[in-house]
Protein backbone atom coordinates (compact mmCIF):
# COMPACT_ATOMS: atom_id res chain seq x y z
CA UNK A 1 0.12 -0.09 0.14
CA UNK A 2 1.10 3.33 -0.75
CA UNK A 3 0.43 5.00 2.65
CA UNK A 4 2.48 2.50 4.59
CA UNK A 5 5.56 2.81 2.02
CA UNK A 6 5.56 6.61 2.87
CA UNK A 7 5.13 5.78 6.29
CA UNK A 8 7.93 3.27 6.69
CA UNK A 9 10.15 6.34 4.65
CA UNK A 10 9.09 8.76 7.42
CA UNK A 11 9.45 6.53 10.36
CA UNK A 12 13.07 5.50 8.95
CA UNK A 13 13.67 9.67 8.49
CA UNK A 14 14.06 9.16 4.89
CA UNK A 15 10.73 12.05 4.19
CA UNK A 16 9.03 14.55 6.56
CA UNK A 17 5.70 14.77 7.29
CA UNK A 18 5.19 17.23 5.10
CA UNK A 19 6.87 15.36 2.28
CA UNK A 20 4.77 12.51 2.80
CA UNK A 21 1.29 14.24 2.57
CA UNK A 22 2.67 16.06 -0.19
CA UNK A 23 3.31 12.89 -2.17
CA UNK A 24 0.14 11.87 -0.94
CA UNK A 25 -1.84 14.41 -2.17
CA UNK A 26 -3.13 15.71 1.39
CA UNK A 27 -2.32 18.06 4.12
CA UNK A 28 0.08 17.29 6.48
CA UNK A 29 -2.40 17.41 9.19
CA UNK A 30 -4.44 14.74 7.13
CA UNK A 31 -1.40 12.75 6.82
CA UNK A 32 -0.97 12.61 10.86
CA UNK A 33 -4.56 11.53 11.17
CA UNK A 34 -4.28 8.88 9.01
CA UNK A 35 -1.22 7.82 10.81
CA UNK A 36 -3.50 7.50 14.08
CA UNK A 37 -6.17 5.65 12.23
CA UNK A 38 -3.54 3.26 11.09
CA UNK A 39 -2.09 2.65 14.80
CA UNK A 40 -5.69 2.27 16.32
CA UNK A 41 -7.22 0.07 13.53
CA UNK A 42 -4.43 -1.00 11.11
CA UNK A 43 -5.39 -1.02 7.24
CA UNK A 44 -9.10 -1.24 8.07
CA UNK A 45 -8.70 2.30 9.47
CA UNK A 46 -8.09 3.93 6.24
CA UNK A 47 -11.01 3.05 4.32
CA UNK A 48 -13.56 5.86 3.55
CA UNK A 49 -15.99 5.73 5.98
CA UNK A 50 -18.70 7.36 4.06
CA UNK A 51 -19.50 3.86 2.26
CA UNK A 52 -22.25 1.81 3.08
CA UNK A 53 -23.55 4.74 5.00
CA UNK A 54 -26.68 6.20 3.25
CA UNK A 55 -26.42 10.10 2.35
CA UNK A 56 -28.44 12.55 3.95
CA UNK A 57 -29.55 13.63 0.55
CA UNK A 58 -30.54 10.50 -0.95
CA UNK A 59 -34.34 10.33 -2.35
CA UNK A 60 -36.97 8.52 0.01
CA UNK A 61 -38.84 5.39 -0.75
CA UNK A 62 -42.37 7.93 -1.71
CA UNK A 63 -40.20 9.96 -3.85
CA UNK A 64 -38.75 7.21 -5.98
CA UNK A 65 -42.29 5.54 -6.08
CA UNK A 66 -43.53 8.71 -7.52
CA UNK A 67 -41.34 8.97 -10.26
CA UNK A 68 -41.38 5.18 -11.80
CA UNK A 69 -45.61 5.63 -11.31
CA UNK A 70 -45.24 9.14 -13.41
CA UNK A 71 -42.66 7.42 -16.04
CA UNK A 72 -45.22 4.22 -16.36
CA UNK A 73 -48.09 6.39 -16.68
CA UNK A 74 -47.15 9.60 -18.53
CA UNK A 75 -43.57 9.58 -19.65
CA UNK A 76 -43.16 5.87 -20.65
CA UNK A 77 -42.17 7.30 -24.52
CA UNK A 78 -39.41 9.78 -23.19
CA UNK A 79 -35.77 9.41 -22.82
CA UNK A 80 -34.35 9.88 -19.06
CA UNK A 81 -32.93 13.12 -19.98
CA UNK A 82 -36.46 14.32 -21.76
CA UNK A 83 -38.05 12.83 -18.63
CA UNK A 84 -36.01 14.69 -15.98
CA UNK A 85 -36.59 18.17 -17.74
CA UNK A 86 -40.29 17.24 -17.65
CA UNK A 87 -40.03 16.54 -13.91
CA UNK A 88 -38.58 19.88 -13.17
CA UNK A 89 -40.45 21.77 -15.44
CA UNK A 90 -44.13 20.36 -14.33
CA UNK A 91 -43.81 18.84 -11.24
CA UNK A 92 -41.22 20.74 -9.20
CA UNK A 93 -38.71 18.21 -8.96
CA UNK A 94 -35.42 19.26 -7.45
CA UNK A 95 -33.16 16.24 -7.41
CA UNK A 96 -30.79 15.68 -10.02
CA UNK A 97 -30.78 13.81 -13.76
CA UNK A 98 -28.00 10.86 -12.10
CA UNK A 99 -30.30 10.01 -9.29
CA UNK A 100 -33.20 9.88 -11.75
CA UNK A 101 -31.61 7.93 -14.32
CA UNK A 102 -29.89 5.39 -11.69
CA UNK A 103 -34.15 4.88 -9.71
CA UNK A 104 -35.42 3.93 -13.25
CA UNK A 105 -32.31 1.65 -13.92
CA UNK A 106 -32.73 0.22 -10.29
CA UNK A 107 -36.95 -0.34 -10.98
CA UNK A 108 -36.03 -1.84 -14.54
CA UNK A 109 -38.08 0.58 -16.23
CA UNK A 110 -35.09 1.50 -18.60
CA UNK A 111 -32.06 -0.12 -19.62
CA UNK A 112 -28.56 1.31 -19.16
CA UNK A 113 -27.33 2.59 -22.44
CA UNK A 114 -24.50 0.44 -24.35
CA UNK A 115 -21.46 2.59 -24.74
CA UNK A 116 -20.65 3.63 -27.90
CA UNK A 117 -17.48 4.03 -29.51
CA UNK A 118 -14.97 6.58 -30.37
CA UNK A 119 -16.76 9.18 -32.73
CA UNK A 120 -15.13 10.47 -35.73
CA UNK A 121 -14.12 14.61 -35.53
CA UNK A 122 -16.89 16.35 -36.26
CA UNK A 123 -16.80 19.29 -38.94
CA UNK A 124 -15.76 22.50 -37.22
CA UNK A 125 -18.74 25.13 -37.05
CA UNK A 126 -19.01 28.55 -39.09
CA UNK A 127 -17.27 31.03 -36.86
CA UNK A 128 -20.66 33.54 -36.91
CA UNK A 129 -24.01 33.25 -37.32
CA UNK A 130 -25.29 33.92 -41.03
CA UNK A 131 -22.25 32.45 -42.67
CA UNK A 132 -24.11 28.96 -43.19
CA UNK A 133 -27.58 28.08 -43.06
CA UNK A 134 -28.85 24.57 -43.58
CA UNK A 135 -32.56 23.54 -44.56
CA UNK A 136 -34.07 20.47 -44.64
CA UNK A 137 -37.29 18.41 -44.17
CA UNK A 138 -38.14 15.13 -42.36
CA UNK A 139 -41.12 12.75 -42.67
CA UNK A 140 -42.59 11.33 -39.41
CA UNK A 141 -45.61 11.02 -37.29
CA UNK A 142 -45.80 14.05 -35.57
CA UNK A 143 -49.17 14.67 -34.48
CA UNK A 144 -50.70 12.37 -31.84
CA UNK A 145 -52.19 8.87 -33.17
CA UNK A 146 -49.03 8.07 -35.67
CA UNK A 147 -51.20 7.38 -38.60
CA UNK A 148 -50.74 10.63 -40.51
CA UNK A 149 -47.01 11.28 -41.51
CA UNK A 150 -46.33 14.96 -42.53
CA UNK A 151 -43.14 16.92 -43.64
CA UNK A 152 -41.15 19.11 -40.70
CA UNK A 153 -39.31 21.79 -42.65
CA UNK A 154 -36.42 22.87 -40.51
CA UNK A 155 -34.01 25.66 -41.16
CA UNK A 156 -30.92 25.98 -39.14
CA UNK A 157 -27.98 27.99 -38.17
CA UNK A 158 -24.68 26.00 -38.58
CA UNK A 159 -22.60 28.33 -35.95
CA UNK A 160 -25.20 27.87 -33.33
CA UNK A 161 -27.64 25.18 -33.72
CA UNK A 162 -30.60 27.85 -33.40
CA UNK A 163 -33.49 26.87 -35.57
CA UNK A 164 -34.47 29.94 -37.14
CA UNK A 165 -37.95 28.29 -38.93
CA UNK A 166 -39.91 25.23 -38.30
CA UNK A 167 -43.22 24.11 -39.69
CA UNK A 168 -45.18 20.83 -40.64
CA UNK A 169 -46.61 20.40 -44.23
CA UNK A 170 -48.27 17.82 -46.18
CA UNK A 171 -45.15 17.52 -48.30
CA UNK A 172 -42.05 19.05 -48.57
CA UNK A 173 -41.84 21.09 -51.77
CA UNK A 174 -40.83 24.39 -53.43
CA UNK A 175 -43.26 26.59 -51.46
CA UNK A 176 -42.31 24.96 -48.32
CA UNK A 177 -38.48 25.94 -49.04
CA UNK A 178 -39.53 29.64 -49.59
CA UNK A 179 -41.49 30.10 -46.76
CA UNK A 180 -38.27 28.69 -44.41
CA UNK A 181 -36.07 31.41 -46.19
CA UNK A 182 -38.67 34.03 -45.69
CA UNK A 183 -39.24 33.54 -42.25
CA UNK A 184 -35.29 33.35 -41.85
CA UNK A 185 -34.79 36.52 -43.92
CA UNK A 186 -37.65 38.38 -42.30
CA UNK A 187 -36.20 37.64 -39.03
CA UNK A 188 -32.37 37.72 -39.12
CA UNK A 189 -31.66 39.00 -42.55
CA UNK A 190 -29.76 37.67 -45.70
CA UNK A 191 -26.97 35.52 -44.79
CA UNK A 192 -23.97 34.11 -47.09
CA UNK A 193 -24.62 30.30 -47.94
CA UNK A 194 -27.45 28.04 -48.29
CA UNK A 195 -26.78 24.04 -47.51
CA UNK A 196 -29.58 21.34 -48.80
CA UNK A 197 -29.78 18.29 -50.06
CA UNK A 198 -30.19 17.28 -53.79
CA UNK A 199 -33.78 17.67 -54.11
CA UNK A 200 -35.76 18.21 -57.08
CA UNK A 201 -36.81 21.40 -55.61
CA UNK A 202 -33.43 22.56 -54.84
CA UNK A 203 -31.32 21.77 -58.00
CA UNK A 204 -31.60 19.84 -61.08
CA UNK A 205 -29.56 16.73 -61.51
CA UNK A 206 -29.47 15.25 -64.61
CA UNK A 207 -28.24 11.58 -63.50
CA UNK A 208 -29.56 9.87 -60.51
CA UNK A 209 -26.99 10.17 -57.87
CA UNK A 210 -24.72 12.70 -59.96
CA UNK A 211 -23.73 15.78 -59.90
CA UNK A 212 -26.37 18.50 -59.95
CA UNK A 213 -26.34 21.08 -62.76
CA UNK A 214 -25.90 24.76 -61.75
CA UNK A 215 -26.60 25.94 -65.19
CA UNK A 216 -30.34 24.96 -65.05
CA UNK A 217 -31.56 26.77 -61.58
CA UNK A 218 -34.55 25.59 -60.03
CA UNK A 219 -37.17 28.06 -58.76
CA UNK A 220 -35.47 28.13 -55.09
CA UNK A 221 -31.77 28.40 -56.97
CA UNK A 222 -33.06 31.02 -59.03
CA UNK A 223 -33.99 33.00 -55.94
CA UNK A 224 -31.04 32.47 -54.28
CA UNK A 225 -28.93 33.84 -57.05
CA UNK A 226 -31.30 36.74 -57.05
CA UNK A 227 -30.16 37.50 -53.61
CA UNK A 228 -26.87 36.80 -53.60
CA UNK A 229 -27.03 33.77 -51.31
CA UNK A 230 -24.51 30.85 -52.21
CA UNK A 231 -26.37 27.47 -52.91
CA UNK A 232 -24.62 24.13 -51.64
CA UNK A 233 -25.16 20.80 -52.54
CA UNK A 234 -24.81 17.95 -50.24
CA UNK A 235 -24.06 14.69 -51.66
CA UNK A 236 -24.07 12.45 -48.48
CA UNK A 237 -26.51 12.18 -45.54
CA UNK A 238 -22.95 11.98 -43.24
CA UNK A 239 -22.64 15.28 -44.70
CA UNK A 240 -25.94 16.57 -43.51
CA UNK A 241 -24.90 14.86 -39.71
CA UNK A 242 -25.31 18.15 -37.89
CA UNK A 243 -28.93 18.32 -39.76
CA UNK A 244 -29.52 14.69 -38.87
CA UNK A 245 -28.71 14.77 -35.15
CA UNK A 246 -31.01 17.90 -35.12
CA UNK A 247 -33.99 15.52 -36.55
CA UNK A 248 -33.18 12.68 -34.40
CA UNK A 249 -33.66 15.13 -31.16
CA UNK A 250 -36.75 16.37 -32.65
CA UNK A 251 -38.39 13.17 -33.40
CA UNK A 252 -37.69 12.43 -29.97
CA UNK A 253 -39.03 15.50 -28.32
CA UNK A 254 -41.14 17.41 -30.61
CA UNK A 255 -43.96 14.39 -30.92
CA UNK A 256 -44.26 14.15 -26.94
CA UNK A 257 -44.79 17.94 -26.57
CA UNK A 258 -47.11 18.32 -28.80
CA UNK A 259 -49.07 15.08 -27.02
CA UNK A 260 -48.77 17.02 -23.61
CA UNK A 261 -50.02 19.88 -25.12
CA UNK A 262 -53.02 18.22 -26.42
CA UNK A 263 -53.24 19.38 -29.96
CA UNK A 264 -54.47 16.15 -31.69
CA UNK A 265 -54.32 16.26 -35.25
CA UNK A 266 -54.54 19.82 -36.10
CA UNK A 267 -51.79 21.43 -38.12
CA UNK A 268 -52.49 25.12 -37.93
CA UNK A 269 -52.31 24.93 -34.07
CA UNK A 270 -49.36 22.62 -34.03
CA UNK A 271 -47.26 25.12 -36.26
CA UNK A 272 -48.27 28.20 -33.90
CA UNK A 273 -47.24 25.87 -30.91
CA UNK A 274 -43.65 24.90 -32.40
CA UNK A 275 -43.19 28.81 -33.20
CA UNK A 276 -44.46 30.61 -29.94
CA UNK A 277 -43.41 27.83 -27.33
CA UNK A 278 -41.47 24.73 -28.59
CA UNK A 279 -38.50 26.73 -30.35
CA UNK A 280 -37.82 29.31 -28.02
CA UNK A 281 -37.66 26.28 -25.40
CA UNK A 282 -35.30 24.24 -28.04
CA UNK A 283 -33.15 26.84 -29.09
CA UNK A 284 -32.31 27.83 -25.24
CA UNK A 285 -32.06 24.20 -24.60
CA UNK A 286 -29.56 23.10 -27.46
CA UNK A 287 -28.31 25.93 -29.43
CA UNK A 288 -24.72 27.32 -28.79
CA UNK A 289 -22.36 30.23 -28.67
CA UNK A 290 -20.69 31.09 -31.62
CA UNK A 291 -17.10 30.92 -32.09
CA UNK A 292 -16.87 34.64 -32.62
CA UNK A 293 -19.16 37.39 -31.66
CA UNK A 294 -21.12 39.61 -34.24
CA UNK A 295 -23.08 38.14 -37.04
CA UNK A 296 -22.44 37.82 -41.08
CA UNK A 297 -26.25 38.32 -41.87
CA UNK A 298 -27.29 41.42 -43.38
CA UNK A 299 -30.69 43.36 -42.51
CA UNK A 300 -32.90 43.62 -45.95
CA UNK A 301 -36.13 45.78 -46.60
CA UNK A 302 -39.19 43.37 -47.23
CA UNK A 303 -38.92 44.89 -50.91
CA UNK A 304 -35.86 43.26 -51.47
CA UNK A 305 -36.80 39.56 -51.07
CA UNK A 306 -40.52 39.35 -50.57
CA UNK A 307 -41.31 39.44 -54.67
CA UNK A 308 -38.24 37.18 -55.31
CA UNK A 309 -39.07 34.27 -52.68
CA UNK A 310 -41.91 32.97 -55.30
CA UNK A 311 -42.02 30.93 -58.59
CA UNK A 312 -41.69 33.16 -61.50
CA UNK A 313 -42.90 32.34 -65.19
CA UNK A 314 -42.79 34.77 -68.22
CA UNK A 315 -46.01 34.69 -70.30
CA UNK A 316 -47.34 36.37 -73.44
CA UNK A 317 -50.49 38.24 -72.97
CA UNK A 318 -53.15 37.54 -75.20
CA UNK A 319 -55.43 40.05 -77.29
CA UNK A 320 -58.05 40.39 -74.77
CA UNK A 321 -55.02 41.71 -72.05
CA UNK A 322 -55.35 38.26 -70.14
CA UNK A 323 -52.99 35.69 -69.28
CA UNK A 324 -52.99 32.09 -68.90
CA UNK A 325 -51.32 30.72 -65.97
CA UNK A 326 -51.72 26.84 -64.77
CA UNK A 327 -55.69 26.49 -65.19
CA UNK A 328 -56.14 30.37 -64.38
CA UNK A 329 -56.92 33.28 -66.68
CA UNK A 330 -55.45 36.58 -65.37
CA UNK A 331 -57.20 39.39 -66.60
CA UNK A 332 -54.82 42.40 -66.49
CA UNK A 333 -57.21 45.84 -65.59
CA UNK A 334 -56.52 48.74 -67.37
CA UNK A 335 -53.14 50.51 -66.30
CA UNK A 336 -52.05 53.97 -66.37
CA UNK A 337 -48.69 53.21 -68.09
CA UNK A 338 -49.53 52.24 -71.47
CA UNK A 339 -52.96 51.87 -73.19
CA UNK A 340 -52.85 47.83 -73.68
CA UNK A 341 -50.25 44.82 -72.87
CA UNK A 342 -51.23 43.09 -75.62
CA UNK A 343 -48.57 40.66 -77.28
CA UNK A 344 -46.21 42.09 -73.94
CA UNK A 345 -44.31 39.72 -72.15
CA UNK A 346 -45.10 40.12 -68.43
CA UNK A 347 -43.63 37.64 -65.98
CA UNK A 348 -46.35 35.96 -63.50
CA UNK A 349 -45.07 35.47 -59.74
CA UNK A 350 -46.94 32.49 -57.45
CA UNK A 351 -45.97 32.85 -53.86
CA UNK A 352 -45.91 30.26 -51.11
CA UNK A 353 -49.67 31.04 -49.90
CA UNK A 354 -50.99 30.72 -53.35
CA UNK A 355 -51.62 34.69 -54.16
CA UNK A 356 -50.42 35.71 -57.67
CA UNK A 357 -49.12 38.76 -59.12
CA UNK A 358 -48.43 39.84 -62.68
CA UNK A 359 -44.97 42.36 -63.09
CA UNK A 360 -44.22 43.98 -66.26
CA UNK A 361 -40.35 44.84 -66.07
CA UNK A 362 -40.03 46.03 -62.34
CA UNK A 363 -43.57 47.30 -62.23
CA UNK A 364 -46.23 45.09 -60.73
CA UNK A 365 -49.34 45.60 -62.79
CA UNK A 366 -51.98 43.17 -60.67
CA UNK A 367 -52.39 41.20 -57.84
CA UNK A 368 -55.06 38.21 -57.85
CA UNK A 369 -56.21 35.84 -55.30
CA UNK A 370 -55.23 32.28 -55.34
CA UNK A 371 -58.31 31.35 -57.24
CA UNK A 372 -57.39 33.99 -59.99
CA UNK A 373 -59.68 37.17 -59.02
CA UNK A 374 -58.40 40.46 -58.81
CA UNK A 375 -57.47 41.47 -55.54
CA UNK A 376 -58.46 45.32 -54.77
CA UNK A 377 -55.53 47.37 -55.05
CA UNK A 378 -55.11 50.85 -53.78
CA UNK A 379 -54.94 53.35 -56.98
CA UNK A 380 -51.62 54.43 -57.94
CA UNK A 381 -50.82 58.00 -57.60
CA UNK A 382 -52.27 59.80 -60.96
CA UNK A 383 -54.17 56.26 -61.89
CA UNK A 384 -57.06 58.12 -62.02
CA UNK A 385 -55.73 60.23 -64.72
CA UNK A 386 -56.43 59.93 -68.55
CA UNK A 387 -53.40 58.07 -70.58
CA UNK A 388 -52.52 61.58 -71.93
CA UNK A 389 -53.17 64.28 -69.40
CA UNK A 390 -51.92 67.92 -69.52
CA UNK A 391 -48.95 67.95 -67.81
CA UNK A 392 -48.78 70.00 -64.30
CA UNK A 393 -52.69 69.89 -64.01
CA UNK A 394 -55.37 68.34 -62.03
CA UNK A 395 -57.97 66.36 -63.69
CA UNK A 396 -60.93 68.26 -64.16
CA UNK A 397 -59.73 72.03 -64.21
CA UNK A 398 -59.03 73.78 -67.11
CA UNK A 399 -55.84 75.38 -67.67
CA UNK A 400 -55.81 78.74 -67.95
CA UNK A 401 -54.86 80.54 -71.45
CA UNK A 402 -52.23 82.96 -72.14
CA UNK A 403 -52.38 85.52 -75.38
CA UNK A 404 -49.86 84.25 -77.83
CA UNK A 405 -47.73 86.21 -80.37
CA UNK A 406 -48.61 85.69 -84.16
CA UNK A 407 -46.81 83.21 -86.10
CA UNK A 408 -44.51 84.80 -88.10
CA UNK A 409 -45.23 83.44 -91.10
CA UNK A 410 -48.85 83.60 -90.59
CA UNK A 411 -50.81 86.81 -90.91
CA UNK A 412 -54.37 87.14 -90.12
CA UNK A 413 -56.69 89.18 -93.13
CA UNK A 414 -58.11 91.02 -90.85
CA UNK A 415 -55.26 93.18 -90.14
CA UNK A 416 -54.24 93.65 -94.09
CA UNK A 417 -55.13 96.94 -95.24
CA UNK A 418 -56.99 98.42 -98.07
CA UNK A 419 -54.54 99.53 -101.12
CA UNK A 420 -54.13 102.81 -101.78
CA UNK A 421 -55.61 104.40 -104.94
CA UNK A 422 -52.64 105.94 -106.26
CA UNK A 423 -54.57 107.29 -109.42
CA UNK A 424 -57.30 109.28 -107.34
């Protein structure tokens, strides 16, 4: 035993008490106390006297029974970590995570996790928020019942793992991507790079499993290029490891939170709960601080991106000033900028909420509901005037007249004098 060897050297005067205590990592006073206990009780006197004695802070039997009951009856689908958080949040629980886990292990309600092997080194995070933003969808039975699967669209920052946008939709696509981008830009601003998989709404891929063709951008790719955001394609699930781990956490926690909130199968109510309740709590629990202070986001006025984050297609106006678009006939109303738009090339915008708009160059000509009916729009300044109004005067008023000098090449007959009779 190390103590006995050092004690023998001290007794032979090879070491002082202070040197022996330093070698054992204790104070000189503790060394003398250990010496006294060794003389009185022998080797047994050096054992830790706390072993075998119940802790003064141990959980009593009634508290253990209540924890086990709650886990069996209410939180059986929770992990131990999530269960402990629910106890603290909902049941005024004050004990730690480890004692809770050991209690469930002893009761046979949870099996100890298998020790994992060494994990390979993760890709370093970007140093500032807004340098790289992920977006992906996960199809899962998020709502209570388990029969109906929905896509959860998540937009996440690489530097902090903060979720900027998350919502449920029937199916992931172009419109859901635009909604996630719009919510992120509205809350934070424009960012540097956008990292996604190679879904057909993100990229055109000529060969399955091959490289993307950036010369044929999708609607999402076109919008990102207009906003100056780099679009990066992922070629494997491992490359999206951070996003995959977030979805693993969401699939474990979010359905249980939705069930405890009693939302049933109401998608709209679930999206409100995710936005107002779940995301703030999730970000407070799992988001990390960025490596460097500051941000790479650039604030942007809505006018810079609202009419960009939408589907855009060119159309030629028919002879009756109508535009056909995916089964709708959009009637262009009279415009103050030109007499008609017949044969003009216009651009139709379809927004994520289904509404439509027609643009001629940079000017919005008209906006429409999702059914193709014209929306009531406030008149533009000067829209009530005739196509060629008197410049500088308000309609209904007659401009004043001013005397004009006679034209040098025009003479009135009244001003001609009679010829003089020279013979009289």
